[in-house]
Amino acid sequence: MAEPHLDLDSLPPEVRAVFEAAIAGHGIALSREGRALGSLRFLPAVLEGTVVEPPSPRADAPPAPDGVTVVATAMTLSETARRRLSDEFGDDYIVVDFSKAPPSADVLLVHPVSPQLLGMLRHQFPHAKVVITEIEDEELGVNYSGPVGRLLDSGASAYLPPRPIPELAANVHAYLTRSANAALESATRRGDGLPPAQQGKIGR
């Protein structure tokens, strides 16, 4: 079914004024017989803005020694924060900013971004395992919170990624059979009760 078409110039002035307000960013409240039905929002046909291309990884970056995992971080981190992260991973890891990482990087750490940007990063690091993460570290001044973190801060008890119904039931059951704190800690660190795709972790 084709979308209805409305010519603003053909509308009465008072109706046109309402739609012009919506185009300017204001919502339109709808009601019928005194009952609120909802609101209309304007979605522009043309997106305005500037496309910013992320820096390309250095093709001349020296390869890592054999047996060392290269972790590229696609987020702004201070040298201190990046060094701390590398130390926590251990001697078998090296952590570098993605603009200085070779295309052969093994892991890409990125905060929640748009699918378009993620696609560009995947193209730049075709062999990397991409790990989406949110970071909160007051000591190092790093805060990359995202939608999941904001929901948990607002009172949600846990987050489960999209899964089929049987796996959802298994995950919820695993969560409910533990105390809330233990469930979040153990599910994250041990992988207990998580689907296979969530059980892998980066660590020593």
N, C-alpha and C. Protein backbone atom coordinates (compact mmCIF):
# COMPACT_ATOMS: atom_id res chain seq x y z
N MET A 1 0.84 -1.19 0.00
CA MET A 1 0.00 0.00 0.00
C MET A 1 0.88 1.24 0.00
N ALA A 2 0.60 2.14 -0.96
CA ALA A 2 1.40 3.36 -1.06
C ALA A 2 1.13 4.30 0.10
N GLU A 3 2.14 5.08 0.47
CA GLU A 3 1.97 6.03 1.55
C GLU A 3 1.01 7.14 1.12
N PRO A 4 0.12 7.57 2.02
CA PRO A 4 -0.76 8.71 1.68
C PRO A 4 0.08 9.95 1.40
N HIS A 5 -0.38 10.76 0.47
CA HIS A 5 0.34 11.97 0.10
C HIS A 5 -0.47 13.19 0.50
N LEU A 6 0.21 14.18 1.07
CA LEU A 6 -0.47 15.38 1.53
C LEU A 6 0.29 16.60 1.03
N ASP A 7 -0.37 17.43 0.26
CA ASP A 7 0.23 18.67 -0.24
C ASP A 7 -0.06 19.78 0.76
N LEU A 8 0.98 20.29 1.41
CA LEU A 8 0.78 21.30 2.44
C LEU A 8 0.12 22.56 1.88
N ASP A 9 0.42 22.89 0.63
CA ASP A 9 -0.13 24.11 0.05
C ASP A 9 -1.64 24.04 -0.13
N SER A 10 -2.20 22.82 -0.13
CA SER A 10 -3.64 22.67 -0.34
C SER A 10 -4.43 22.69 0.97
N LEU A 11 -3.74 22.76 2.10
CA LEU A 11 -4.40 22.70 3.39
C LEU A 11 -4.87 24.08 3.85
N PRO A 12 -5.92 24.11 4.66
CA PRO A 12 -6.32 25.39 5.27
C PRO A 12 -5.16 25.96 6.09
N PRO A 13 -5.06 27.28 6.20
CA PRO A 13 -3.93 27.90 6.89
C PRO A 13 -3.70 27.38 8.30
N GLU A 14 -4.78 27.18 9.09
CA GLU A 14 -4.59 26.74 10.46
C GLU A 14 -4.06 25.31 10.53
N VAL A 15 -4.49 24.46 9.58
CA VAL A 15 -3.99 23.08 9.55
C VAL A 15 -2.55 23.06 9.07
N ARG A 16 -2.27 23.87 8.05
CA ARG A 16 -0.91 23.94 7.54
C ARG A 16 0.05 24.42 8.63
N ALA A 17 -0.40 25.35 9.46
CA ALA A 17 0.45 25.87 10.53
C ALA A 17 0.84 24.76 11.51
N VAL A 18 -0.11 23.85 11.76
CA VAL A 18 0.19 22.73 12.67
C VAL A 18 1.27 21.84 12.07
N PHE A 19 1.16 21.54 10.77
CA PHE A 19 2.15 20.68 10.12
C PHE A 19 3.50 21.39 10.01
N GLU A 20 3.47 22.69 9.78
CA GLU A 20 4.72 23.44 9.72
C GLU A 20 5.43 23.38 11.07
N ALA A 21 4.65 23.42 12.15
CA ALA A 21 5.25 23.31 13.49
C ALA A 21 5.90 21.95 13.68
N ALA A 22 5.25 20.89 13.14
CA ALA A 22 5.83 19.55 13.24
C ALA A 22 7.14 19.47 12.47
N ILE A 23 7.17 20.09 11.28
CA ILE A 23 8.39 20.09 10.48
C ILE A 23 9.51 20.80 11.23
N ALA A 24 9.14 21.82 12.01
CA ALA A 24 10.13 22.58 12.77
C ALA A 24 10.61 21.84 14.01
N GLY A 25 10.03 20.66 14.27
CA GLY A 25 10.50 19.85 15.39
C GLY A 25 9.52 19.68 16.53
N HIS A 26 8.33 20.24 16.42
CA HIS A 26 7.33 20.11 17.48
C HIS A 26 6.42 18.92 17.19
N GLY A 27 6.02 18.21 18.24
CA GLY A 27 5.10 17.10 18.07
C GLY A 27 3.67 17.59 17.93
N ILE A 28 2.83 16.75 17.29
CA ILE A 28 1.41 17.06 17.14
C ILE A 28 0.63 16.09 18.02
N ALA A 29 -0.04 16.62 19.04
CA ALA A 29 -0.85 15.79 19.92
C ALA A 29 -2.19 15.51 19.26
N LEU A 30 -2.59 14.24 19.22
CA LEU A 30 -3.85 13.83 18.59
C LEU A 30 -4.84 13.39 19.66
N SER A 31 -6.10 13.79 19.47
CA SER A 31 -7.14 13.37 20.41
C SER A 31 -8.45 13.16 19.64
N ARG A 32 -9.33 12.41 20.25
CA ARG A 32 -10.66 12.16 19.65
C ARG A 32 -11.67 12.12 20.79
N GLU A 33 -12.69 12.97 20.68
CA GLU A 33 -13.73 13.04 21.71
C GLU A 33 -13.12 13.25 23.10
N GLY A 34 -12.10 14.09 23.13
CA GLY A 34 -11.48 14.43 24.40
C GLY A 34 -10.48 13.42 24.92
N ARG A 35 -10.26 12.31 24.20
CA ARG A 35 -9.32 11.30 24.64
C ARG A 35 -8.03 11.40 23.84
N ALA A 36 -6.91 11.37 24.54
CA ALA A 36 -5.62 11.44 23.87
C ALA A 36 -5.35 10.14 23.13
N LEU A 37 -4.96 10.26 21.84
CA LEU A 37 -4.67 9.09 21.02
C LEU A 37 -3.17 8.85 20.86
N GLY A 38 -2.40 9.92 20.87
CA GLY A 38 -0.97 9.78 20.63
C GLY A 38 -0.43 11.08 20.06
N SER A 39 0.71 10.97 19.40
CA SER A 39 1.32 12.16 18.80
C SER A 39 1.97 11.80 17.47
N LEU A 40 2.09 12.78 16.62
CA LEU A 40 2.76 12.63 15.33
C LEU A 40 4.10 13.34 15.37
N ARG A 41 5.10 12.71 14.77
CA ARG A 41 6.42 13.32 14.67
C ARG A 41 6.84 13.37 13.20
N PHE A 42 7.57 14.41 12.85
CA PHE A 42 7.99 14.59 11.47
C PHE A 42 9.31 13.88 11.23
N LEU A 43 9.38 13.07 10.16
CA LEU A 43 10.60 12.38 9.77
C LEU A 43 11.04 12.94 8.43
N PRO A 44 12.13 13.71 8.38
CA PRO A 44 12.54 14.34 7.12
C PRO A 44 12.93 13.30 6.07
N ALA A 45 12.64 13.63 4.81
CA ALA A 45 12.99 12.74 3.71
C ALA A 45 14.48 12.79 3.41
N VAL A 46 15.14 13.88 3.75
CA VAL A 46 16.56 14.05 3.49
C VAL A 46 17.26 14.31 4.83
N LEU A 47 18.26 13.50 5.13
CA LEU A 47 19.02 13.69 6.35
C LEU A 47 20.07 14.77 6.12
N GLU A 48 20.14 15.71 7.05
CA GLU A 48 21.11 16.78 6.94
C GLU A 48 22.27 16.52 7.89
N GLY A 49 23.45 16.89 7.47
CA GLY A 49 24.61 16.70 8.33
C GLY A 49 25.85 16.44 7.50
N THR A 50 26.92 16.16 8.16
CA THR A 50 28.19 15.92 7.52
C THR A 50 28.66 14.52 7.83
N VAL A 51 29.04 13.79 6.80
CA VAL A 51 29.57 12.45 6.99
C VAL A 51 31.05 12.57 7.33
N VAL A 52 31.42 12.05 8.47
CA VAL A 52 32.81 12.10 8.91
C VAL A 52 33.39 10.71 8.79
N GLU A 53 34.38 10.56 7.95
CA GLU A 53 35.03 9.27 7.77
C GLU A 53 36.03 9.05 8.91
N PRO A 54 36.01 7.89 9.54
CA PRO A 54 37.00 7.62 10.58
C PRO A 54 38.38 7.46 9.96
N PRO A 55 39.43 7.75 10.72
CA PRO A 55 40.78 7.58 10.19
C PRO A 55 41.02 6.15 9.76
N SER A 56 41.77 5.98 8.71
CA SER A 56 42.09 4.65 8.23
C SER A 56 43.21 4.06 9.08
N PRO A 57 43.19 2.75 9.30
CA PRO A 57 44.28 2.14 10.06
C PRO A 57 45.58 2.24 9.28
N ARG A 58 46.68 2.26 9.98
CA ARG A 58 47.97 2.39 9.33
C ARG A 58 48.38 1.08 8.70
N ALA A 59 48.50 1.11 7.37
CA ALA A 59 48.94 -0.10 6.67
C ALA A 59 50.41 -0.39 6.98
N ASP A 60 51.17 0.65 7.39
CA ASP A 60 52.58 0.47 7.66
C ASP A 60 52.87 0.18 9.12
N ALA A 61 51.82 -0.03 9.92
CA ALA A 61 52.02 -0.33 11.33
C ALA A 61 52.76 -1.66 11.46
N PRO A 62 53.78 -1.73 12.32
CA PRO A 62 54.55 -2.96 12.44
C PRO A 62 53.70 -4.09 12.98
N PRO A 63 53.85 -5.30 12.46
CA PRO A 63 53.07 -6.43 12.97
C PRO A 63 53.48 -6.75 14.40
N ALA A 64 52.54 -7.31 15.14
CA ALA A 64 52.82 -7.69 16.51
C ALA A 64 53.67 -8.95 16.54
N PRO A 65 54.46 -9.12 17.58
CA PRO A 65 55.25 -10.36 17.70
C PRO A 65 54.33 -11.58 17.71
N ASP A 66 54.87 -12.70 17.33
CA ASP A 66 54.10 -13.94 17.32
C ASP A 66 53.54 -14.22 18.71
N GLY A 67 52.29 -14.64 18.75
CA GLY A 67 51.66 -15.01 20.01
C GLY A 67 51.07 -13.86 20.77
N VAL A 68 51.16 -12.64 20.24
CA VAL A 68 50.62 -11.45 20.90
C VAL A 68 49.32 -11.05 20.21
N THR A 69 48.27 -10.83 21.00
CA THR A 69 46.98 -10.42 20.48
C THR A 69 46.90 -8.90 20.43
N VAL A 70 46.59 -8.37 19.26
CA VAL A 70 46.48 -6.92 19.08
C VAL A 70 45.04 -6.50 19.30
N VAL A 71 44.82 -5.63 20.28
CA VAL A 71 43.49 -5.10 20.58
C VAL A 71 43.45 -3.64 20.15
N ALA A 72 42.60 -3.32 19.19
CA ALA A 72 42.43 -1.94 18.72
C ALA A 72 41.22 -1.34 19.43
N THR A 73 41.38 -0.14 19.96
CA THR A 73 40.28 0.52 20.66
C THR A 73 39.73 1.65 19.78
N ALA A 74 38.47 1.56 19.41
CA ALA A 74 37.83 2.58 18.57
C ALA A 74 37.08 3.58 19.45
N MET A 75 37.76 4.08 20.44
CA MET A 75 37.19 5.07 21.35
C MET A 75 38.36 5.90 21.88
N THR A 76 38.07 7.10 22.30
CA THR A 76 39.13 7.97 22.79
C THR A 76 39.53 7.57 24.20
N LEU A 77 40.76 7.10 24.34
CA LEU A 77 41.31 6.73 25.64
C LEU A 77 42.64 7.44 25.84
N SER A 78 42.91 7.86 27.04
CA SER A 78 44.20 8.46 27.34
C SER A 78 45.27 7.37 27.31
N GLU A 79 46.52 7.80 27.20
CA GLU A 79 47.61 6.82 27.22
C GLU A 79 47.60 6.04 28.52
N THR A 80 47.25 6.72 29.61
CA THR A 80 47.19 6.04 30.90
C THR A 80 46.12 4.95 30.91
N ALA A 81 44.94 5.28 30.39
CA ALA A 81 43.84 4.30 30.35
C ALA A 81 44.19 3.14 29.43
N ARG A 82 44.80 3.45 28.29
CA ARG A 82 45.15 2.37 27.36
C ARG A 82 46.24 1.47 27.95
N ARG A 83 47.19 2.07 28.65
CA ARG A 83 48.25 1.28 29.28
C ARG A 83 47.67 0.40 30.40
N ARG A 84 46.73 0.96 31.17
CA ARG A 84 46.09 0.17 32.23
C ARG A 84 45.33 -1.02 31.62
N LEU A 85 44.62 -0.77 30.53
CA LEU A 85 43.88 -1.84 29.88
C LEU A 85 44.83 -2.92 29.38
N SER A 86 45.95 -2.50 28.80
CA SER A 86 46.93 -3.47 28.31
C SER A 86 47.52 -4.27 29.46
N ASP A 87 47.80 -3.61 30.57
CA ASP A 87 48.34 -4.31 31.74
C ASP A 87 47.34 -5.34 32.27
N GLU A 88 46.05 -4.98 32.28
CA GLU A 88 45.03 -5.89 32.77
C GLU A 88 44.89 -7.11 31.87
N PHE A 89 45.06 -6.93 30.57
CA PHE A 89 45.00 -8.07 29.66
C PHE A 89 46.18 -9.01 29.88
N GLY A 90 47.34 -8.46 30.12
CA GLY A 90 48.52 -9.30 30.34
C GLY A 90 49.56 -9.15 29.25
N ASP A 91 50.66 -9.87 29.40
CA ASP A 91 51.80 -9.72 28.50
C ASP A 91 51.52 -10.20 27.08
N ASP A 92 50.50 -11.04 26.92
CA ASP A 92 50.22 -11.59 25.60
C ASP A 92 49.33 -10.68 24.77
N TYR A 93 49.06 -9.46 25.26
CA TYR A 93 48.19 -8.52 24.56
C TYR A 93 48.91 -7.18 24.39
N ILE A 94 48.55 -6.49 23.31
CA ILE A 94 48.98 -5.12 23.12
C ILE A 94 47.76 -4.31 22.73
N VAL A 95 47.54 -3.17 23.37
CA VAL A 95 46.37 -2.34 23.13
C VAL A 95 46.81 -1.05 22.45
N VAL A 96 46.22 -0.75 21.29
CA VAL A 96 46.57 0.46 20.54
C VAL A 96 45.30 1.14 20.05
N ASP A 97 45.40 2.44 19.79
CA ASP A 97 44.29 3.16 19.19
C ASP A 97 44.07 2.62 17.78
N PHE A 98 42.81 2.56 17.35
CA PHE A 98 42.54 1.93 16.06
C PHE A 98 43.17 2.68 14.89
N SER A 99 43.43 3.98 15.06
CA SER A 99 44.07 4.73 13.98
C SER A 99 45.53 4.36 13.80
N LYS A 100 46.11 3.68 14.81
CA LYS A 100 47.50 3.25 14.73
C LYS A 100 47.63 1.74 14.62
N ALA A 101 46.50 1.05 14.54
CA ALA A 101 46.52 -0.40 14.53
C ALA A 101 46.66 -0.93 13.11
N PRO A 102 47.31 -2.06 12.93
CA PRO A 102 47.40 -2.66 11.60
C PRO A 102 46.06 -3.29 11.21
N PRO A 103 45.80 -3.42 9.91
CA PRO A 103 44.55 -4.05 9.47
C PRO A 103 44.38 -5.47 9.97
N SER A 104 45.47 -6.09 10.40
CA SER A 104 45.42 -7.47 10.87
C SER A 104 45.10 -7.57 12.36
N ALA A 105 44.65 -6.47 12.98
CA ALA A 105 44.33 -6.49 14.41
C ALA A 105 43.39 -7.64 14.73
N ASP A 106 43.57 -8.23 15.91
CA ASP A 106 42.80 -9.42 16.29
C ASP A 106 41.46 -9.08 16.93
N VAL A 107 41.42 -7.98 17.68
CA VAL A 107 40.21 -7.61 18.42
C VAL A 107 39.97 -6.13 18.24
N LEU A 108 38.69 -5.75 18.09
CA LEU A 108 38.31 -4.35 18.02
C LEU A 108 37.33 -4.07 19.15
N LEU A 109 37.74 -3.21 20.08
CA LEU A 109 36.85 -2.78 21.16
C LEU A 109 36.18 -1.49 20.74
N VAL A 110 34.86 -1.45 20.76
CA VAL A 110 34.13 -0.26 20.33
C VAL A 110 32.91 -0.06 21.21
N HIS A 111 32.62 1.19 21.55
CA HIS A 111 31.42 1.48 22.32
C HIS A 111 30.21 1.41 21.38
N PRO A 112 28.99 1.40 21.89
CA PRO A 112 27.82 1.31 21.01
C PRO A 112 27.80 2.44 19.98
N VAL A 113 27.82 2.06 18.71
CA VAL A 113 27.85 3.03 17.61
C VAL A 113 26.77 2.64 16.60
N SER A 114 26.65 3.42 15.55
CA SER A 114 25.66 3.13 14.51
C SER A 114 26.11 1.93 13.69
N PRO A 115 25.16 1.19 13.11
CA PRO A 115 25.54 0.07 12.23
C PRO A 115 26.41 0.50 11.07
N GLN A 116 26.20 1.73 10.57
CA GLN A 116 27.00 2.21 9.46
C GLN A 116 28.46 2.36 9.85
N LEU A 117 28.71 2.98 11.01
CA LEU A 117 30.08 3.14 11.47
C LEU A 117 30.71 1.79 11.78
N LEU A 118 29.94 0.91 12.37
CA LEU A 118 30.46 -0.41 12.68
C LEU A 118 30.84 -1.15 11.40
N GLY A 119 30.05 -0.96 10.35
CA GLY A 119 30.37 -1.59 9.07
C GLY A 119 31.68 -1.08 8.51
N MET A 120 31.94 0.23 8.65
CA MET A 120 33.21 0.78 8.18
C MET A 120 34.38 0.23 8.97
N LEU A 121 34.18 0.09 10.28
CA LEU A 121 35.25 -0.46 11.11
C LEU A 121 35.51 -1.92 10.77
N ARG A 122 34.44 -2.65 10.50
CA ARG A 122 34.62 -4.06 10.10
C ARG A 122 35.39 -4.16 8.80
N HIS A 123 35.15 -3.21 7.90
CA HIS A 123 35.88 -3.21 6.63
C HIS A 123 37.36 -2.91 6.86
N GLN A 124 37.66 -2.04 7.81
CA GLN A 124 39.04 -1.67 8.08
C GLN A 124 39.81 -2.78 8.80
N PHE A 125 39.08 -3.55 9.62
CA PHE A 125 39.71 -4.64 10.37
C PHE A 125 38.96 -5.94 10.08
N PRO A 126 39.15 -6.49 8.89
CA PRO A 126 38.32 -7.63 8.45
C PRO A 126 38.50 -8.89 9.27
N HIS A 127 39.63 -9.03 9.96
CA HIS A 127 39.89 -10.28 10.70
C HIS A 127 39.62 -10.14 12.20
N ALA A 128 39.26 -8.94 12.64
CA ALA A 128 39.12 -8.70 14.08
C ALA A 128 37.79 -9.21 14.61
N LYS A 129 37.82 -9.69 15.84
CA LYS A 129 36.59 -9.98 16.57
C LYS A 129 36.13 -8.67 17.19
N VAL A 130 34.92 -8.25 16.85
CA VAL A 130 34.41 -6.96 17.32
C VAL A 130 33.67 -7.17 18.63
N VAL A 131 34.07 -6.43 19.65
CA VAL A 131 33.45 -6.51 20.97
C VAL A 131 32.85 -5.14 21.29
N ILE A 132 31.53 -5.09 21.43
CA ILE A 132 30.85 -3.85 21.81
C ILE A 132 30.87 -3.76 23.33
N THR A 133 31.33 -2.63 23.85
CA THR A 133 31.44 -2.50 25.29
C THR A 133 31.07 -1.11 25.76
N GLU A 134 30.57 -1.02 26.97
CA GLU A 134 30.37 0.26 27.63
C GLU A 134 31.39 0.34 28.76
N ILE A 135 31.92 1.52 28.99
CA ILE A 135 32.98 1.69 29.98
C ILE A 135 32.61 2.79 30.96
N GLU A 136 32.80 2.52 32.23
CA GLU A 136 32.69 3.54 33.26
C GLU A 136 33.86 3.35 34.20
N ASP A 137 34.78 4.30 34.19
CA ASP A 137 35.94 4.24 35.07
C ASP A 137 36.24 5.64 35.55
N GLU A 138 35.73 5.98 36.74
CA GLU A 138 35.90 7.32 37.27
C GLU A 138 37.37 7.65 37.53
N GLU A 139 38.12 6.65 37.98
CA GLU A 139 39.54 6.88 38.30
C GLU A 139 40.31 7.36 37.07
N LEU A 140 40.03 6.77 35.91
CA LEU A 140 40.75 7.11 34.69
C LEU A 140 39.99 8.11 33.83
N GLY A 141 38.84 8.55 34.30
CA GLY A 141 38.09 9.56 33.57
C GLY A 141 37.52 9.07 32.26
N VAL A 142 37.13 7.80 32.20
CA VAL A 142 36.58 7.21 30.98
C VAL A 142 35.10 6.91 31.20
N ASN A 143 34.26 7.39 30.32
CA ASN A 143 32.82 7.13 30.43
C ASN A 143 32.24 6.97 29.04
N TYR A 144 32.00 5.75 28.65
CA TYR A 144 31.34 5.45 27.39
C TYR A 144 30.09 4.63 27.70
N SER A 145 29.12 5.29 28.31
CA SER A 145 27.88 4.60 28.63
C SER A 145 27.02 4.51 27.37
N GLY A 146 26.16 3.52 27.36
CA GLY A 146 25.28 3.31 26.21
C GLY A 146 23.88 2.98 26.67
N PRO A 147 23.03 2.51 25.77
CA PRO A 147 21.64 2.26 26.12
C PRO A 147 21.47 1.21 27.21
N VAL A 148 22.28 0.16 27.19
CA VAL A 148 22.14 -0.88 28.20
C VAL A 148 22.51 -0.35 29.57
N GLY A 149 23.64 0.37 29.65
CA GLY A 149 24.05 0.94 30.92
C GLY A 149 23.03 1.91 31.47
N ARG A 150 22.44 2.71 30.58
CA ARG A 150 21.44 3.68 31.05
C ARG A 150 20.20 2.98 31.58
N LEU A 151 19.81 1.88 30.94
CA LEU A 151 18.65 1.13 31.42
C LEU A 151 18.93 0.47 32.77
N LEU A 152 20.14 -0.06 32.93
CA LEU A 152 20.49 -0.67 34.21
C LEU A 152 20.55 0.39 35.30
N ASP A 153 21.09 1.56 34.97
CA ASP A 153 21.14 2.65 35.95
C ASP A 153 19.74 3.12 36.34
N SER A 154 18.77 2.92 35.43
CA SER A 154 17.41 3.38 35.70
C SER A 154 16.58 2.36 36.47
N GLY A 155 17.19 1.22 36.80
CA GLY A 155 16.48 0.26 37.64
C GLY A 155 16.33 -1.13 37.07
N ALA A 156 16.73 -1.36 35.81
CA ALA A 156 16.66 -2.72 35.27
C ALA A 156 17.64 -3.62 36.02
N SER A 157 17.30 -4.89 36.16
CA SER A 157 18.12 -5.82 36.94
C SER A 157 19.17 -6.53 36.10
N ALA A 158 18.89 -6.74 34.83
CA ALA A 158 19.83 -7.49 34.00
C ALA A 158 19.52 -7.22 32.54
N TYR A 159 20.46 -7.59 31.68
CA TYR A 159 20.26 -7.45 30.23
C TYR A 159 20.59 -8.78 29.57
N LEU A 160 19.70 -9.23 28.70
CA LEU A 160 19.93 -10.43 27.90
C LEU A 160 19.86 -10.05 26.43
N PRO A 161 20.82 -10.46 25.62
CA PRO A 161 20.79 -10.13 24.19
C PRO A 161 19.68 -10.91 23.50
N PRO A 162 19.30 -10.49 22.30
CA PRO A 162 18.22 -11.18 21.57
C PRO A 162 18.57 -12.65 21.35
N ARG A 163 17.65 -13.52 21.74
CA ARG A 163 17.83 -14.96 21.58
C ARG A 163 16.47 -15.62 21.37
N PRO A 164 16.43 -16.85 20.82
CA PRO A 164 15.16 -17.57 20.69
C PRO A 164 14.54 -17.83 22.05
N ILE A 165 13.25 -18.11 22.05
CA ILE A 165 12.49 -18.30 23.28
C ILE A 165 13.12 -19.33 24.22
N PRO A 166 13.54 -20.52 23.73
CA PRO A 166 14.12 -21.50 24.68
C PRO A 166 15.36 -20.96 25.39
N GLU A 167 16.23 -20.25 24.64
CA GLU A 167 17.44 -19.70 25.25
C GLU A 167 17.09 -18.56 26.20
N LEU A 168 16.07 -17.78 25.84
CA LEU A 168 15.64 -16.71 26.74
C LEU A 168 15.17 -17.30 28.07
N ALA A 169 14.35 -18.35 28.02
CA ALA A 169 13.86 -18.97 29.25
C ALA A 169 15.01 -19.52 30.08
N ALA A 170 16.01 -20.14 29.42
CA ALA A 170 17.15 -20.69 30.14
C ALA A 170 17.95 -19.59 30.82
N ASN A 171 18.12 -18.47 30.12
CA ASN A 171 18.89 -17.35 30.68
C ASN A 171 18.17 -16.72 31.86
N VAL A 172 16.87 -16.49 31.72
CA VAL A 172 16.11 -15.90 32.82
C VAL A 172 16.11 -16.83 34.03
N HIS A 173 15.94 -18.13 33.77
CA HIS A 173 15.96 -19.09 34.87
C HIS A 173 17.32 -19.06 35.57
N ALA A 174 18.41 -19.03 34.79
CA ALA A 174 19.74 -19.00 35.38
C ALA A 174 19.93 -17.74 36.23
N TYR A 175 19.36 -16.63 35.75
CA TYR A 175 19.49 -15.38 36.50
C TYR A 175 18.69 -15.44 37.81
N LEU A 176 17.47 -15.97 37.73
CA LEU A 176 16.60 -15.97 38.91
C LEU A 176 17.05 -16.95 39.98
N THR A 177 17.85 -17.95 39.61
CA THR A 177 18.30 -18.93 40.59
C THR A 177 19.54 -18.46 41.34
N ARG A 178 20.04 -17.28 41.01
CA ARG A 178 21.16 -16.69 41.74
C ARG A 178 20.70 -15.39 42.37
N SER A 179 21.51 -14.85 43.27
CA SER A 179 21.22 -13.50 43.75
C SER A 179 21.53 -12.54 42.62
N ALA A 180 20.92 -11.37 42.63
CA ALA A 180 21.06 -10.43 41.52
C ALA A 180 22.52 -10.10 41.23
N ASN A 181 23.28 -9.75 42.27
CA ASN A 181 24.66 -9.38 42.04
C ASN A 181 25.49 -10.54 41.55
N ALA A 182 25.30 -11.70 42.14
CA ALA A 182 26.07 -12.86 41.74
C ALA A 182 25.76 -13.23 40.30
N ALA A 183 24.50 -13.07 39.89
CA ALA A 183 24.13 -13.44 38.53
C ALA A 183 24.86 -12.59 37.52
N LEU A 184 24.87 -11.27 37.75
CA LEU A 184 25.54 -10.39 36.80
C LEU A 184 27.04 -10.63 36.81
N GLU A 185 27.62 -10.87 37.99
CA GLU A 185 29.06 -11.09 38.07
C GLU A 185 29.43 -12.41 37.40
N SER A 186 28.74 -13.49 37.77
CA SER A 186 29.14 -14.79 37.28
C SER A 186 28.82 -14.96 35.81
N ALA A 187 27.69 -14.42 35.37
CA ALA A 187 27.33 -14.56 33.97
C ALA A 187 28.33 -13.84 33.09
N THR A 188 28.86 -12.73 33.59
CA THR A 188 29.80 -11.98 32.79
C THR A 188 31.18 -12.64 32.81
N ARG A 189 31.61 -13.12 33.97
CA ARG A 189 32.98 -13.57 34.10
C ARG A 189 33.18 -15.04 33.78
N ARG A 190 32.15 -15.88 34.07
CA ARG A 190 32.32 -17.30 33.84
C ARG A 190 31.59 -17.76 32.60
N GLY A 191 30.56 -17.00 32.17
CA GLY A 191 29.78 -17.43 31.03
C GLY A 191 28.67 -18.37 31.41
N ASP A 192 28.46 -18.65 32.72
CA ASP A 192 27.41 -19.57 33.13
C ASP A 192 26.05 -19.02 32.73
N GLY A 193 25.24 -19.88 32.11
CA GLY A 193 23.88 -19.49 31.80
C GLY A 193 23.76 -18.58 30.59
N LEU A 194 24.88 -18.25 29.96
CA LEU A 194 24.81 -17.41 28.78
C LEU A 194 24.86 -18.27 27.53
N PRO A 195 24.26 -17.81 26.43
CA PRO A 195 24.36 -18.55 25.19
C PRO A 195 25.80 -18.57 24.71
N PRO A 196 26.17 -19.54 23.85
CA PRO A 196 27.57 -19.70 23.43
C PRO A 196 28.19 -18.43 22.90
N ALA A 197 27.43 -17.64 22.14
CA ALA A 197 28.00 -16.44 21.55
C ALA A 197 28.42 -15.43 22.59
N GLN A 198 27.86 -15.53 23.83
CA GLN A 198 28.18 -14.57 24.88
C GLN A 198 29.19 -15.12 25.88
N GLN A 199 29.62 -16.37 25.71
CA GLN A 199 30.46 -16.98 26.72
C GLN A 199 31.93 -16.66 26.51
N GLY A 200 32.33 -16.29 25.30
CA GLY A 200 33.72 -15.95 25.09
C GLY A 200 34.07 -14.65 25.78
N LYS A 201 35.30 -14.52 26.21
CA LYS A 201 35.73 -13.28 26.83
C LYS A 201 37.17 -13.01 26.46
N ILE A 202 37.54 -11.76 26.58
CA ILE A 202 38.93 -11.39 26.34
C ILE A 202 39.60 -11.34 27.68
N GLY A 203 40.65 -12.02 27.85
CA GLY A 203 41.33 -12.01 29.12
C GLY A 203 42.62 -12.79 29.04
N ARG A 204 43.20 -13.00 30.19
CA ARG A 204 44.49 -13.68 30.20
C ARG A 204 44.31 -15.18 29.97
